[in-house]
């Protein structure tokens, strides 16, 4: 892209100058200005692009532009569409020229300089006396960006030991390689089984790229912008790939290039069994599970699945028919089952698959499985997430630095509060509530408006906390056995729930949960966390526990 720099002089001399410039004056001056707004790194430019500089100095005795030895002066009818400026190079100029307008092209990347040097018969602002001449000089720094030259490598996993796969490099392409499709018969072949991955790694350095996109025909994903992209190939066949490298941004010259990756990725049918992979889940009434490959067909398979549901409280123990089986629209290795009847979050569910014909794209048949537990998403908490997760700051240390909570004068000191909102650990979001005390005493964290603006209706709830008990590796610290959840209306205790945390693993976030049955709770009712010495008679020394993600999920009984 052509860049125009205009160098203006000051239109005032050191002697007899005025505030308003007079373009008709015979006074000489030298004060430069550029439309690029030069600073420390004056400008950026792509290699073999050019810039234009105009020296509009008034009454210099001599004028001289100097450029690097690797740069060239060019002239003619220049425009952006020109790919090769060789015919426009001014011959026999070397690296200096005396002219008021110059066009300069750079053939070497890196920091380059252009110098304008003028001489004057009289002293003007910005000049220095050198050998009976007054000299004004300005150097411009240009950061010249090279063309992007993509370099990369491909790796595959050696699965000789399936429990410990080893990533091995199988192909590399350096920045000077320029492969073409015409040489396809000579390309390297990478053999993998269906369901295996090829790892694409961008090693580009020349040209200072800011992004890349991998285009991997037949892979999952087929496009990726990651520097290291793991691409899974599920369907037998031969596939190609290429990389697009890009440089963009407000402070760099834009550039985009593509490079073919001269390999054939040959995918053969997998020798591994086609089996269920991971947990079975239930979300929004849909049972889902992954399998070890891309699915080709699930036609007429509903009767091959058995979904068994029990609910002891309701006296329910029966199979629920599967009404449809489908391949997940976002992930073709995921099977979705829709049931013919409603599931309740108090149900216990198991699933089995027997003698079916679910097939993979490489011709394998899904093996029998089950019965396996189906893990339910019980639903959303009735609490306001930010309040129950201690996300909202408050400046008052007596409130534990957290909105919707209060401890009062018993909260230690301003510099060392017992309960305090902290960002040093969090299970979810940015913050948690830390309880830290040198010697246990009776103390409560009062929580209000957790379900604002509504109250909580009567019923049975699955109540849970995420807790993190510091692992100090001594027997006499962090040995609290019990804390309480107290539901209170003013000073009146409405309900108390004891939590035993004896034996909870330390040094990690752990979910503790229980079912509780409550009467209706009005908006504004407090839900507190309380520690009492009477519950922990043998607890001594420092104690540190973090709380996060308090949750109450309404349990729906099966009718």
Protein backbone atom coordinates (compact mmCIF):
# COMPACT_ATOMS: atom_id res chain seq x y z
CA UNK A 1 0.00 0.00 0.00
CA UNK A 2 1.34 3.44 -0.90
CA UNK A 3 2.10 5.75 2.06
CA UNK A 4 2.51 9.52 1.66
CA UNK A 5 4.63 11.51 4.12
CA UNK A 6 4.64 15.31 3.77
CA UNK A 7 7.50 17.23 5.38
CA UNK A 8 6.58 20.85 6.09
CA UNK A 9 8.94 23.58 7.18
CA UNK A 10 8.19 26.07 9.74
CA UNK A 11 7.37 29.24 7.93
CA UNK A 12 9.16 31.40 10.48
CA UNK A 13 12.82 32.29 10.82
CA UNK A 14 14.63 32.68 14.10
CA UNK A 15 14.98 36.40 13.47
CA UNK A 16 11.96 38.54 12.73
CA UNK A 17 9.44 35.71 13.00
CA UNK A 18 5.72 36.18 13.61
CA UNK A 19 3.04 33.94 14.98
CA UNK A 20 1.21 33.63 11.68
CA UNK A 21 3.02 31.83 8.85
CA UNK A 22 3.73 33.89 5.76
CA UNK A 23 3.97 31.67 2.70
CA UNK A 24 5.45 34.51 0.59
CA UNK A 25 8.39 35.22 2.88
CA UNK A 26 11.93 34.64 1.68
CA UNK A 27 12.92 33.42 5.12
CA UNK A 28 14.34 29.90 5.33
CA UNK A 29 13.21 27.31 7.88
CA UNK A 30 13.12 23.58 8.62
CA UNK A 31 10.39 21.99 10.71
CA UNK A 32 9.11 18.59 9.65
CA UNK A 33 5.67 17.06 9.91
CA UNK A 34 4.29 13.76 8.67
CA UNK A 35 0.76 12.57 8.17
CA UNK A 36 1.81 9.28 9.83
CA UNK A 37 2.47 10.98 13.17
CA UNK A 38 5.94 9.56 13.77
CA UNK A 39 6.89 8.46 17.26
CA UNK A 40 9.47 5.95 18.57
CA UNK A 41 8.73 3.44 15.82
CA UNK A 42 7.74 5.96 13.22
CA UNK A 43 5.85 3.83 10.81
CA UNK A 44 5.11 0.26 9.75
CA UNK A 45 5.21 -1.02 6.21
CA UNK A 46 5.12 -4.32 4.37
CA UNK A 47 8.24 -5.45 2.55
CA UNK A 48 8.40 -4.34 -1.12
CA UNK A 49 5.67 -1.83 -0.41
CA UNK A 50 6.70 1.80 -0.88
CA UNK A 51 6.36 5.18 0.74
CA UNK A 52 6.42 8.68 -0.69
CA UNK A 53 8.11 11.61 1.06
CA UNK A 54 7.81 15.29 0.11
CA UNK A 55 10.35 17.88 1.24
CA UNK A 56 8.62 21.27 1.13
CA UNK A 57 11.54 23.08 2.78
CA UNK A 58 11.99 26.72 1.89
CA UNK A 59 15.23 28.10 0.46
CA UNK A 60 17.66 25.27 1.32
CA UNK A 61 21.08 25.44 -0.32
CA UNK A 62 21.14 21.67 -0.71
CA UNK A 63 18.70 18.84 -0.17
CA UNK A 64 19.55 15.13 0.24
CA UNK A 65 17.57 11.97 1.02
CA UNK A 66 19.56 8.94 2.20
CA UNK A 67 18.11 5.41 2.34
CA UNK A 68 19.52 1.99 3.37
CA UNK A 69 21.71 0.14 0.87
CA UNK A 70 18.98 -2.50 0.46
CA UNK A 71 16.27 0.07 -0.30
CA UNK A 72 15.61 1.55 -3.75
CA UNK A 73 14.34 4.84 -5.14
CA UNK A 74 11.51 4.35 -7.62
CA UNK A 75 9.53 6.68 -9.88
CA UNK A 76 6.81 6.57 -12.49
CA UNK A 77 3.08 6.01 -12.57
CA UNK A 78 2.95 4.10 -9.30
CA UNK A 79 -0.12 2.38 -7.85
CA UNK A 80 -1.08 -0.37 -5.42
CA UNK A 81 -1.75 -2.97 -8.09
CA UNK A 82 1.89 -3.18 -9.18
CA UNK A 83 3.36 -6.52 -8.09
CA UNK A 84 6.95 -5.97 -9.27
CA UNK A 85 8.56 -2.54 -8.95
CA UNK A 86 11.82 -3.53 -10.64
CA UNK A 87 11.05 -1.58 -13.84
CA UNK A 88 10.43 1.55 -11.76
CA UNK A 89 13.81 1.60 -9.98
CA UNK A 90 15.78 4.77 -10.68
CA UNK A 91 19.17 3.63 -12.04
CA UNK A 92 22.54 4.88 -10.86
CA UNK A 93 21.27 6.68 -7.75
CA UNK A 94 22.83 4.50 -5.08
CA UNK A 95 21.31 5.23 -1.73
CA UNK A 96 21.16 9.03 -1.96
CA UNK A 97 19.20 11.46 -4.10
CA UNK A 98 18.69 15.21 -4.22
CA UNK A 99 15.03 15.76 -4.89
CA UNK A 100 11.99 17.24 -3.18
CA UNK A 101 9.86 14.14 -3.82
CA UNK A 102 11.04 10.57 -3.38
CA UNK A 103 9.41 7.14 -3.51
CA UNK A 104 11.23 4.44 -1.56
CA UNK A 105 10.78 0.68 -1.67
CA UNK A 106 12.27 -1.67 0.94
CA UNK A 107 13.56 -5.14 0.12
CA UNK A 108 14.74 -6.08 3.61
CA UNK A 109 12.61 -6.53 6.73
CA UNK A 110 13.37 -4.93 10.09
CA UNK A 111 13.91 -1.40 11.35
CA UNK A 112 15.00 0.82 8.44
CA UNK A 113 15.81 4.53 8.35
CA UNK A 114 15.40 7.35 5.85
CA UNK A 115 17.31 10.58 6.46
CA UNK A 116 16.57 14.03 5.05
CA UNK A 117 19.49 16.46 5.26
CA UNK A 118 19.22 20.11 4.16
CA UNK A 119 21.81 22.89 4.34
CA UNK A 120 21.20 26.66 4.64
CA UNK A 121 23.27 29.82 4.26
CA UNK A 122 21.81 31.30 7.44
CA UNK A 123 20.95 29.95 10.86
CA UNK A 124 17.36 28.83 11.24
CA UNK A 125 15.54 26.93 13.94
CA UNK A 126 16.74 23.35 14.24
CA UNK A 127 20.07 23.79 12.37
CA UNK A 128 23.63 23.15 13.47
CA UNK A 129 26.72 24.94 12.10
CA UNK A 130 28.99 22.41 10.36
CA UNK A 131 31.94 23.60 8.24
CA UNK A 132 30.44 27.02 7.45
CA UNK A 133 27.02 25.56 6.61
CA UNK A 134 23.89 25.41 8.67
CA UNK A 135 22.62 21.83 8.60
CA UNK A 136 19.12 20.52 9.43
CA UNK A 137 18.65 16.76 9.58
CA UNK A 138 15.73 14.45 10.34
CA UNK A 139 15.77 10.63 10.52
CA UNK A 140 12.62 8.60 10.02
CA UNK A 141 12.38 5.04 11.33
CA UNK A 142 10.31 2.53 9.37
CA UNK A 143 9.47 -0.91 10.79
CA UNK A 144 9.36 -3.06 7.68
CA UNK A 145 7.41 -6.32 7.99
CA UNK A 146 8.48 -9.33 5.97
CA UNK A 147 6.03 -11.45 4.05
CA UNK A 148 4.51 -14.16 6.23
CA UNK A 149 6.16 -17.48 5.47
CA UNK A 150 4.15 -20.27 7.12
CA UNK A 151 6.01 -23.10 8.83
CA UNK A 152 4.37 -26.01 10.62
CA UNK A 153 4.55 -29.57 11.82
CA UNK A 154 2.12 -32.49 12.06
CA UNK A 155 2.11 -35.07 14.83
CA UNK A 156 0.20 -38.26 15.62
CA UNK A 157 -0.23 -40.35 18.73
CA UNK A 158 1.58 -43.65 19.15
CA UNK A 159 -1.06 -45.74 20.94
CA UNK A 160 1.01 -48.89 21.38
CA UNK A 161 0.19 -48.40 25.06
CA UNK A 162 -3.41 -47.11 25.00
CA UNK A 163 -3.12 -45.89 28.58
CA UNK A 164 -0.06 -43.75 27.76
CA UNK A 165 -0.25 -42.42 24.19
CA UNK A 166 2.91 -40.69 22.98
CA UNK A 167 2.80 -37.70 20.61
CA UNK A 168 5.29 -38.11 17.76
CA UNK A 169 6.19 -35.65 14.99
CA UNK A 170 5.56 -37.19 11.57
CA UNK A 171 5.89 -34.24 9.15
CA UNK A 172 7.36 -30.75 9.01
CA UNK A 173 7.14 -27.91 6.51
CA UNK A 174 9.66 -25.07 6.68
CA UNK A 175 9.06 -21.49 5.69
CA UNK A 176 10.90 -21.76 2.36
CA UNK A 177 8.94 -24.78 1.13
CA UNK A 178 6.39 -23.90 -1.57
CA UNK A 179 4.43 -27.10 -2.28
CA UNK A 180 2.01 -27.38 -5.20
CA UNK A 181 -0.87 -29.68 -5.98
CA UNK A 182 0.94 -30.79 -9.16
CA UNK A 183 3.39 -32.77 -7.00
CA UNK A 184 0.63 -34.59 -5.12
CA UNK A 185 1.91 -37.98 -6.25
CA UNK A 186 5.12 -37.33 -4.29
CA UNK A 187 3.40 -36.22 -1.07
CA UNK A 188 4.00 -38.02 2.20
CA UNK A 189 1.16 -40.28 3.36
CA UNK A 190 0.12 -40.25 7.03
CA UNK A 191 -1.82 -43.40 7.94
CA UNK A 192 -4.23 -43.30 10.87
CA UNK A 193 -7.26 -45.25 12.02
CA UNK A 194 -10.73 -43.75 12.12
CA UNK A 195 -11.22 -41.90 15.38
CA UNK A 196 -7.55 -40.95 15.73
CA UNK A 197 -6.12 -37.44 15.69
CA UNK A 198 -3.55 -35.48 13.76
CA UNK A 199 -2.08 -32.54 15.69
CA UNK A 200 -1.37 -29.43 13.58
CA UNK A 201 1.18 -27.00 15.09
CA UNK A 202 1.91 -23.54 13.69
CA UNK A 203 5.67 -22.78 13.79
CA UNK A 204 5.54 -19.56 11.75
CA UNK A 205 7.97 -16.82 12.80
CA UNK A 206 8.82 -14.82 9.67
CA UNK A 207 6.37 -12.04 8.95
CA UNK A 208 5.03 -11.70 12.49
CA UNK A 209 1.62 -13.29 11.85
CA UNK A 210 -1.17 -12.50 14.28
CA UNK A 211 -3.51 -15.39 13.44
CA UNK A 212 -3.90 -18.53 11.44
CA UNK A 213 -6.69 -20.81 10.24
CA UNK A 214 -6.27 -24.52 9.59
CA UNK A 215 -8.51 -25.95 6.87
CA UNK A 216 -8.66 -29.72 7.34
CA UNK A 217 -10.94 -31.48 4.89
CA UNK A 218 -12.70 -34.44 6.55
CA UNK A 219 -11.48 -33.54 10.03
CA UNK A 220 -13.25 -32.49 13.20
CA UNK A 221 -13.08 -29.53 13.32
CA UNK A 222 -12.75 -28.73 9.64
CA UNK A 223 -11.60 -25.21 10.53
CA UNK A 224 -9.58 -24.11 13.56
CA UNK A 225 -7.75 -20.92 14.56
CA UNK A 226 -5.76 -22.51 17.39
CA UNK A 227 -1.97 -22.41 17.31
CA UNK A 228 -2.02 -26.12 18.12
CA UNK A 229 -5.10 -27.84 16.72
CA UNK A 230 -6.08 -31.44 17.46
CA UNK A 231 -8.06 -32.71 14.48
CA UNK A 232 -9.92 -36.02 14.68
CA UNK A 233 -10.62 -38.04 11.52
CA UNK A 234 -13.57 -40.39 11.86
CA UNK A 235 -14.43 -41.44 8.33
CA UNK A 236 -12.20 -43.61 6.09
CA UNK A 237 -10.75 -41.81 3.08
CA UNK A 238 -7.87 -39.60 1.93
CA UNK A 239 -7.79 -35.98 3.04
CA UNK A 240 -5.73 -32.84 2.46
CA UNK A 241 -5.19 -29.65 4.46
CA UNK A 242 -3.79 -26.15 4.18
CA UNK A 243 -3.00 -23.20 6.42
CA UNK A 244 -3.98 -19.56 6.03
CA UNK A 245 -1.68 -17.16 7.91
CA UNK A 246 -2.73 -13.60 8.58
CA UNK A 247 -1.36 -10.35 9.96
CA UNK A 248 -3.91 -7.75 10.99
CA UNK A 249 -4.41 -4.91 13.43
CA UNK A 250 -4.32 -1.14 13.57
CA UNK A 251 -0.55 -0.94 14.07
CA UNK A 252 0.67 -3.52 11.53
CA UNK A 253 0.47 -3.75 7.72
CA UNK A 254 -2.21 -6.23 6.72
CA UNK A 255 -1.11 -9.40 4.97
CA UNK A 256 -2.65 -12.81 4.25
CA UNK A 257 -1.14 -15.87 2.63
CA UNK A 258 -2.02 -19.54 2.19
CA UNK A 259 0.18 -22.61 2.05
CA UNK A 260 -0.78 -26.10 0.99
CA UNK A 261 0.29 -28.86 3.38
CA UNK A 262 1.76 -31.56 1.11
CA UNK A 263 0.52 -34.65 2.92
CA UNK A 264 -2.26 -37.15 2.30
CA UNK A 265 -3.99 -38.14 5.51
CA UNK A 266 -5.19 -41.67 4.85
CA UNK A 267 -7.85 -42.87 7.27
CA UNK A 268 -8.57 -46.59 7.50
CA UNK A 269 -11.33 -48.35 9.51
CA UNK A 270 -10.58 -48.52 13.22
CA UNK A 271 -9.40 -51.77 14.77
CA UNK A 272 -10.73 -50.64 18.15
CA UNK A 273 -14.14 -51.61 19.52
CA UNK A 274 -17.06 -49.26 18.98
CA UNK A 275 -18.23 -48.63 22.55
CA UNK A 276 -19.84 -46.07 24.83
CA UNK A 277 -17.36 -43.40 25.92
CA UNK A 278 -17.87 -41.62 29.25
CA UNK A 279 -20.94 -40.83 31.33
CA UNK A 280 -24.59 -40.97 30.34
CA UNK A 281 -26.42 -37.73 31.16
CA UNK A 282 -29.97 -36.41 31.21
CA UNK A 283 -30.55 -32.75 30.39
CA UNK A 284 -33.86 -31.14 29.48
CA UNK A 285 -35.48 -34.54 29.09
CA UNK A 286 -32.84 -35.87 26.65
CA UNK A 287 -30.53 -38.77 27.55
CA UNK A 288 -27.14 -38.36 25.85
CA UNK A 289 -23.91 -40.33 25.63
CA UNK A 290 -20.76 -40.37 23.51
CA UNK A 291 -19.32 -43.28 21.59
CA UNK A 292 -15.81 -43.95 20.29
CA UNK A 293 -16.34 -42.83 16.72
CA UNK A 294 -18.54 -40.87 14.35
CA UNK A 295 -22.00 -42.37 13.99
CA UNK A 296 -23.36 -43.33 10.59
CA UNK A 297 -26.83 -44.66 11.44
CA UNK A 298 -29.26 -45.09 14.35
CA UNK A 299 -32.26 -46.06 12.25
CA UNK A 300 -34.85 -48.23 14.03
CA UNK A 301 -32.79 -48.57 17.21
CA UNK A 302 -35.22 -47.24 19.87
CA UNK A 303 -36.33 -50.73 20.90
CA UNK A 304 -32.72 -51.80 21.53
CA UNK A 305 -32.40 -49.38 24.47
CA UNK A 306 -33.84 -50.13 27.90
CA UNK A 307 -34.35 -47.19 30.26
CA UNK A 308 -35.23 -48.38 33.75
CA UNK A 309 -36.58 -45.85 36.27
CA UNK A 310 -37.09 -46.27 39.99
CA UNK A 311 -38.51 -43.85 42.54
CA UNK A 312 -38.77 -45.39 46.00
CA UNK A 313 -40.84 -42.56 47.50
CA UNK A 314 -43.45 -42.91 44.75
CA UNK A 315 -43.31 -46.72 44.63
CA UNK A 316 -42.33 -46.54 40.96
CA UNK A 317 -40.20 -49.27 39.31
CA UNK A 318 -40.62 -49.63 35.55
CA UNK A 319 -39.08 -49.31 32.11
CA UNK A 320 -39.85 -46.14 30.16
CA UNK A 321 -39.94 -46.54 26.37
CA UNK A 322 -37.53 -44.64 24.14
CA UNK A 323 -39.56 -42.67 21.61
CA UNK A 324 -36.69 -41.61 19.34
CA UNK A 325 -32.95 -42.08 18.80
CA UNK A 326 -30.94 -39.44 16.93
CA UNK A 327 -27.40 -38.35 16.18
CA UNK A 328 -26.63 -35.06 17.93
CA UNK A 329 -26.71 -32.19 15.44
CA UNK A 330 -23.57 -30.57 16.89
CA UNK A 331 -21.49 -33.68 17.58
CA UNK A 332 -21.84 -36.77 15.40
CA UNK A 333 -20.20 -38.97 18.05
CA UNK A 334 -23.07 -38.24 20.46
CA UNK A 335 -26.37 -40.17 20.62
CA UNK A 336 -29.54 -38.49 21.95
CA UNK A 337 -32.53 -40.44 23.27
CA UNK A 338 -35.95 -38.93 23.80
CA UNK A 339 -38.25 -40.74 26.24
CA UNK A 340 -41.96 -41.36 25.87
CA UNK A 341 -42.73 -40.27 29.47
CA UNK A 342 -41.71 -37.53 31.86
CA UNK A 343 -38.64 -37.96 34.07
CA UNK A 344 -38.52 -36.32 37.52
CA UNK A 345 -35.36 -35.15 39.25
CA UNK A 346 -36.12 -37.49 42.13
CA UNK A 347 -35.95 -40.53 39.81
CA UNK A 348 -33.07 -42.97 39.63
CA UNK A 349 -32.35 -43.97 36.02
CA UNK A 350 -30.36 -46.75 34.38
CA UNK A 351 -29.83 -47.45 30.68
CA UNK A 352 -28.85 -50.56 28.72
CA UNK A 353 -28.24 -51.33 25.01
CA UNK A 354 -28.58 -54.86 23.65
CA UNK A 355 -28.21 -56.47 20.21
CA UNK A 356 -28.61 -53.25 18.26
CA UNK A 357 -27.23 -51.99 14.96
CA UNK A 358 -25.90 -48.52 15.69
CA UNK A 359 -23.09 -48.20 13.12
CA UNK A 360 -20.06 -45.93 12.78
CA UNK A 361 -18.92 -44.22 9.61
CA UNK A 362 -16.06 -46.75 9.38
CA UNK A 363 -18.42 -49.74 9.51
CA UNK A 364 -18.24 -50.81 13.17
CA UNK A 365 -21.28 -51.80 15.25
CA UNK A 366 -21.85 -50.41 18.74
CA UNK A 367 -21.25 -53.05 21.40
CA UNK A 368 -23.79 -53.90 24.10
CA UNK A 369 -23.57 -51.96 27.36
CA UNK A 370 -25.33 -51.47 30.67
CA UNK A 371 -27.10 -51.17 32.87
CA UNK A 372 -25.35 -47.81 33.48
CA UNK A 373 -26.41 -44.96 35.77
CA UNK A 374 -27.82 -41.87 34.06
CA UNK A 375 -26.57 -38.69 35.72
CA UNK A 376 -29.33 -36.11 35.90
CA UNK A 377 -29.03 -32.36 35.76
CA UNK A 378 -31.32 -31.68 38.71
CA UNK A 379 -32.16 -28.18 37.52
CA UNK A 380 -31.44 -24.57 38.46
CA UNK A 381 -30.91 -23.24 41.96
CA UNK A 382 -33.56 -20.98 43.44
CA UNK A 383 -30.79 -18.64 44.64
CA UNK A 384 -29.44 -15.59 42.82
CA UNK A 385 -26.16 -16.92 41.41
CA UNK A 386 -24.00 -13.87 42.15
CA UNK A 387 -25.25 -13.66 45.74
CA UNK A 388 -24.88 -17.39 46.44
CA UNK A 389 -21.44 -17.30 44.80
CA UNK A 390 -20.13 -14.30 46.78
CA UNK A 391 -19.42 -12.35 43.60
CA UNK A 392 -20.53 -8.86 44.67
CA UNK A 393 -17.99 -6.71 46.52
CA UNK A 394 -18.66 -4.45 49.48
CA UNK A 395 -16.17 -2.10 51.19
CA UNK A 396 -17.30 -2.88 54.76
CA UNK A 397 -15.12 -5.49 56.52
CA UNK A 398 -17.93 -6.13 59.03
CA UNK A 399 -19.88 -7.42 56.02
CA UNK A 400 -17.00 -9.64 54.96
CA UNK A 401 -16.37 -7.27 52.03
CA UNK A 402 -19.38 -8.90 50.33
CA UNK A 403 -22.85 -7.59 49.53
CA UNK A 404 -25.83 -9.39 51.08
CA UNK A 405 -23.76 -10.69 54.01
CA UNK A 406 -23.03 -9.47 57.55
CA UNK A 407 -20.93 -10.60 60.50
CA UNK A 408 -20.57 -7.49 62.63
CA UNK A 409 -18.01 -6.67 65.32
CA UNK A 410 -17.19 -10.34 65.86
CA UNK A 411 -15.53 -10.51 62.42
CA UNK A 412 -11.98 -10.16 63.72
CA UNK A 413 -10.37 -6.88 62.68
CA UNK A 414 -10.42 -4.70 59.60
CA UNK A 415 -6.92 -5.86 58.68
CA UNK A 416 -7.61 -9.51 59.49
CA UNK A 417 -11.32 -10.37 59.15
CA UNK A 418 -12.52 -13.90 59.91
CA UNK A 419 -15.08 -14.07 57.12
CA UNK A 420 -13.98 -12.27 53.96
CA UNK A 421 -14.79 -12.34 50.27
CA UNK A 422 -11.65 -13.32 48.38
CA UNK A 423 -10.51 -13.94 44.83
CA UNK A 424 -7.58 -16.12 45.87
CA UNK A 425 -9.74 -19.21 45.31
CA UNK A 426 -13.04 -19.74 43.52
CA UNK A 427 -14.91 -22.81 42.34
CA UNK A 428 -17.05 -20.77 39.96
CA UNK A 429 -16.86 -17.13 38.98
CA UNK A 430 -14.20 -14.90 40.48
CA UNK A 431 -14.69 -15.10 44.24
CA UNK A 432 -15.48 -17.24 47.27
CA UNK A 433 -16.04 -16.65 51.00
CA UNK A 434 -13.04 -17.49 53.17
CA UNK A 435 -13.44 -18.46 56.83
CA UNK A 436 -10.09 -18.11 58.58
CA UNK A 437 -9.66 -18.09 62.35
CA UNK A 438 -6.74 -18.73 64.70
CA UNK A 439 -8.88 -20.45 67.36
CA UNK A 440 -12.48 -21.49 66.78
CA UNK A 441 -15.23 -19.41 68.42
CA UNK A 442 -18.99 -19.10 67.95
CA UNK A 443 -19.55 -17.00 64.85
CA UNK A 444 -22.12 -16.65 62.03
CA UNK A 445 -22.08 -15.38 58.47
CA UNK A 446 -25.55 -13.88 57.98
CA UNK A 447 -26.84 -14.16 54.42
CA UNK A 448 -29.83 -12.16 53.16
CA UNK A 449 -31.84 -11.86 49.95
CA UNK A 450 -30.36 -15.01 48.41
CA UNK A 451 -33.60 -15.57 46.52
CA UNK A 452 -34.58 -11.91 46.05
CA UNK A 453 -37.08 -10.69 44.95
CA UNK A 454 -39.09 -13.86 45.61
CA UNK A 455 -39.24 -16.07 48.64
CA UNK A 456 -38.81 -19.84 48.50
CA UNK A 457 -41.84 -22.09 48.26
CA UNK A 458 -42.33 -25.02 50.61
CA UNK A 459 -40.97 -28.35 49.49
CA UNK A 460 -37.95 -30.61 49.42
CA UNK A 461 -34.68 -29.23 48.06
CA UNK A 462 -31.26 -30.57 47.20
CA UNK A 463 -28.99 -28.24 49.16
CA UNK A 464 -25.27 -28.06 48.40
CA UNK A 465 -22.09 -26.09 49.00
CA UNK A 466 -18.73 -26.25 47.31
CA UNK A 467 -16.10 -26.18 50.06
CA UNK A 468 -12.32 -26.10 50.02
CA UNK A 469 -10.53 -27.05 53.25
CA UNK A 470 -6.90 -25.94 53.30
CA UNK A 471 -4.50 -28.84 53.57
CA UNK A 472 -1.92 -27.58 56.07
CA UNK A 473 -0.54 -31.10 56.62
CA UNK A 474 -0.72 -31.05 60.41
CA UNK A 475 -3.06 -33.01 62.66
CA UNK A 476 -4.14 -30.14 64.88
CA UNK A 477 -5.30 -27.64 62.22
CA UNK A 478 -8.31 -27.57 59.92
CA UNK A 479 -10.06 -30.23 61.95
CA UNK A 480 -13.53 -28.70 62.15
CA UNK A 481 -16.08 -31.49 62.17
CA UNK A 482 -19.42 -29.66 61.94
CA UNK A 483 -20.89 -26.37 60.73
CA UNK A 484 -24.51 -25.34 60.51
CA UNK A 485 -26.91 -23.82 58.03
CA UNK A 486 -29.49 -21.77 59.90
CA UNK A 487 -32.67 -20.34 58.44
CA UNK A 488 -33.69 -17.33 60.51
CA UNK A 489 -36.31 -14.63 60.52
CA UNK A 490 -34.73 -11.88 62.58
CA UNK A 491 -33.59 -13.55 65.82
CA UNK A 492 -36.02 -16.48 65.36
CA UNK A 493 -34.46 -19.75 64.27
CA UNK A 494 -36.81 -21.37 61.75
CA UNK A 495 -34.68 -24.38 60.80
CA UNK A 496 -31.22 -25.76 61.52
CA UNK A 497 -29.19 -28.16 59.37
CA UNK A 498 -25.92 -29.67 60.61
CA UNK A 499 -23.20 -30.50 58.10
CA UNK A 500 -20.55 -33.09 58.93
CA UNK A 501 -17.31 -32.34 57.09
CA UNK A 502 -15.24 -34.85 59.02
CA UNK A 503 -13.27 -36.82 56.44
CA UNK A 504 -13.87 -34.40 53.54
CA UNK A 505 -10.79 -34.43 51.31
CA UNK A 506 -8.59 -31.39 51.83
CA UNK A 507 -6.75 -29.30 49.28
CA UNK A 508 -9.48 -29.46 46.60
CA UNK A 509 -13.00 -28.24 45.95
CA UNK A 510 -15.53 -30.78 47.20
CA UNK A 511 -19.30 -30.73 46.81
CA UNK A 512 -21.31 -31.49 49.93
CA UNK A 513 -25.06 -31.93 49.57
CA UNK A 514 -28.17 -33.14 51.36
CA UNK A 515 -31.94 -33.11 50.95
CA UNK A 516 -33.86 -30.72 53.18
CA UNK A 517 -37.58 -30.14 53.53
CA UNK A 518 -38.73 -26.61 54.39
CA UNK A 519 -41.85 -24.60 54.96
CA UNK A 520 -42.37 -21.58 52.72
CA UNK A 521 -39.67 -18.95 53.28
CA UNK A 522 -40.56 -15.29 52.85
CA UNK A 523 -38.36 -12.94 50.87
CA UNK A 524 -35.70 -11.44 53.12
CA UNK A 525 -35.38 -14.50 55.37
CA UNK A 526 -31.75 -15.09 56.32
CA UNK A 527 -29.78 -18.20 55.43
CA UNK A 528 -26.66 -18.25 57.63
CA UNK A 529 -23.47 -20.26 57.95
CA UNK A 530 -22.57 -20.82 61.62
CA UNK A 531 -19.69 -22.38 63.53
CA UNK A 532 -20.04 -23.37 67.20
CA UNK A 533 -17.38 -24.62 69.59
CA UNK A 534 -19.90 -27.01 71.20
CA UNK A 535 -20.12 -28.91 67.90
CA UNK A 536 -16.33 -29.12 67.69
CA UNK A 537 -14.98 -29.76 71.22
CA UNK A 538 -11.63 -31.11 70.03
CA UNK A 539 -10.98 -28.49 67.38
CA UNK A 540 -7.86 -26.42 68.08
CA UNK A 541 -5.52 -24.13 66.19
CA UNK A 542 -5.92 -22.28 62.90
CA UNK A 543 -8.85 -23.16 60.65
CA UNK A 544 -9.32 -22.16 57.00
CA UNK A 545 -12.30 -23.13 54.85
CA UNK A 546 -13.56 -21.57 51.59
CA UNK A 547 -17.26 -21.60 50.62
CA UNK A 548 -18.67 -21.12 47.12
CA UNK A 549 -21.73 -21.81 44.96
CA UNK A 550 -24.42 -22.32 47.60
CA UNK A 551 -27.34 -24.01 45.82
CA UNK A 552 -30.93 -25.06 46.55
CA UNK A 553 -32.59 -27.06 43.77
CA UNK A 554 -36.27 -27.88 44.05
CA UNK A 555 -36.89 -31.63 43.96
CA UNK A 556 -39.97 -32.67 42.02
CA UNK A 557 -41.65 -35.76 43.47
CA UNK A 558 -43.03 -38.32 41.06
CA UNK A 559 -46.84 -38.31 41.40
